[in-house]
Protein backbone atom coordinates (compact mmCIF):
# COMPACT_ATOMS: atom_id res chain seq x y z
CA MET A 1 0.00 0.00 0.00
CA ARG A 2 2.77 2.38 0.93
CA LYS A 3 4.73 1.56 -2.21
CA THR A 4 1.65 2.21 -4.35
CA LEU A 5 1.11 5.63 -2.78
CA ARG A 6 4.78 6.47 -3.29
CA VAL A 7 4.60 5.54 -7.00
CA LEU A 8 1.37 7.50 -7.39
CA ALA A 9 2.95 10.54 -5.72
CA ILE A 10 5.94 10.34 -8.07
CA ILE A 11 3.65 10.17 -11.11
CA VAL A 12 1.60 13.16 -9.93
CA LEU A 13 4.80 15.12 -9.23
CA ALA A 14 6.15 14.26 -12.69
CA ILE A 15 2.91 15.50 -14.31
CA ILE A 16 3.12 18.76 -12.35
CA VAL A 17 6.77 19.27 -13.36
CA VAL A 18 5.98 18.61 -17.04
CA ALA A 19 3.01 21.00 -16.94
CA ALA A 20 5.13 23.70 -15.28
CA GLY A 21 7.83 23.18 -17.90
CA LEU A 22 5.34 23.55 -20.74
CA LEU A 23 3.87 26.71 -19.24
CA THR A 24 7.35 28.17 -18.78
CA TYR A 25 8.22 27.34 -22.39
CA VAL A 26 5.05 28.98 -23.70
CA LYS A 27 5.61 32.13 -21.65
CA THR A 28 9.34 32.55 -22.37
CA ALA A 29 10.20 30.93 -25.72
CA LEU A 30 7.22 31.84 -27.87
CA PRO A 31 7.08 35.39 -29.24
CA ASN A 32 4.64 37.91 -27.83
CA VAL A 33 2.82 39.14 -30.91
CA GLY A 34 0.47 41.48 -29.07
CA ARG A 35 -3.19 42.08 -29.66
CA ALA A 36 -4.77 41.64 -33.07
CA PRO A 37 -5.37 44.94 -34.87
CA ASP A 38 -8.90 46.21 -35.41
CA LEU A 39 -9.56 45.96 -39.14
CA THR A 40 -12.27 47.59 -41.16
CA VAL A 41 -13.09 46.27 -44.59
CA ASP A 42 -14.54 48.40 -47.35
CA ARG A 43 -17.90 46.88 -48.32
CA SER A 44 -18.08 48.29 -51.78
CA PRO A 45 -19.87 46.37 -54.57
CA ASP A 46 -16.51 45.71 -56.23
CA ARG A 47 -15.12 44.05 -53.07
CA VAL A 48 -18.27 41.94 -52.63
CA ALA A 49 -18.09 40.83 -56.26
CA ARG A 50 -14.40 39.95 -55.80
CA GLY A 51 -15.23 37.88 -52.69
CA ARG A 52 -18.02 36.08 -54.53
CA TYR A 53 -15.60 35.32 -57.39
CA LEU A 54 -12.94 33.99 -55.01
CA ALA A 55 -15.38 31.82 -53.02
CA ASN A 56 -17.05 30.33 -56.10
CA TYR A 57 -14.26 29.97 -58.66
CA VAL A 58 -10.77 30.32 -57.17
CA THR A 59 -10.83 28.72 -53.72
CA VAL A 60 -14.03 26.76 -54.51
CA CYS A 61 -15.39 27.18 -50.93
CA MET A 62 -18.96 26.66 -52.07
CA ASP A 63 -18.28 23.10 -53.25
CA CYS A 64 -18.03 21.88 -49.64
CA HIS A 65 -20.09 24.54 -47.87
CA SER A 66 -23.25 23.89 -49.92
CA SER A 67 -25.46 20.88 -50.52
CA ARG A 68 -24.75 18.96 -53.70
CA ASP A 69 -26.99 16.76 -55.84
CA MET A 70 -24.85 13.62 -56.08
CA GLY A 71 -27.52 11.89 -58.18
CA ARG A 72 -26.54 14.04 -61.16
CA LEU A 73 -23.33 14.04 -63.16
CA SER A 74 -20.52 15.95 -61.35
CA GLY A 75 -22.74 16.62 -58.29
CA PRO A 76 -23.86 20.19 -59.01
CA LEU A 77 -24.76 22.56 -56.18
CA VAL A 78 -28.39 22.58 -55.11
CA PRO A 79 -29.67 26.11 -55.86
CA GLY A 80 -30.34 28.16 -52.74
CA THR A 81 -27.94 26.23 -50.47
CA GLU A 82 -24.76 28.12 -51.30
CA GLY A 83 -22.73 28.72 -48.14
CA GLN A 84 -25.19 26.97 -45.82
CA GLY A 85 -22.94 23.98 -45.16
CA GLY A 86 -24.18 20.52 -44.38
CA GLU A 87 -21.94 18.48 -46.67
CA THR A 88 -20.81 15.24 -44.97
CA PHE A 89 -17.41 13.68 -45.61
CA ASP A 90 -17.27 10.14 -44.24
CA ARG A 91 -15.71 6.73 -44.78
CA SER A 92 -17.62 6.23 -48.03
CA LEU A 93 -15.54 9.08 -49.49
CA GLY A 94 -12.28 7.73 -48.06
CA PHE A 95 -12.05 9.94 -44.96
CA PRO A 96 -10.89 8.36 -41.66
CA GLY A 97 -13.98 9.58 -39.77
CA ILE A 98 -17.03 11.76 -40.22
CA PHE A 99 -16.52 15.45 -41.01
CA TYR A 100 -19.18 18.10 -41.64
CA ALA A 101 -18.66 21.33 -43.56
CA LYS A 102 -20.29 23.97 -41.39
């Protein structure tokens, strides 16, 4: 019984030392980048059109963040669901688990 308590105390002490070491590393070794700046974005029609172009054609965000009709050739987007999310990526698509595009 005494030996078990001694081993348990050593394990708890080791966990505390490791946690203290990690906290010290984070506080001293990592750079202090300060607070994030407050940004304002111009909401002009040109900027909105550029964002729509990027999301739909360049980065193709809408392919995962919209519902798709997989019963049709190439799985086109279901109209009206753009950006609403809900696409499921699971083992049937070769993923190691179940992932949802929010």
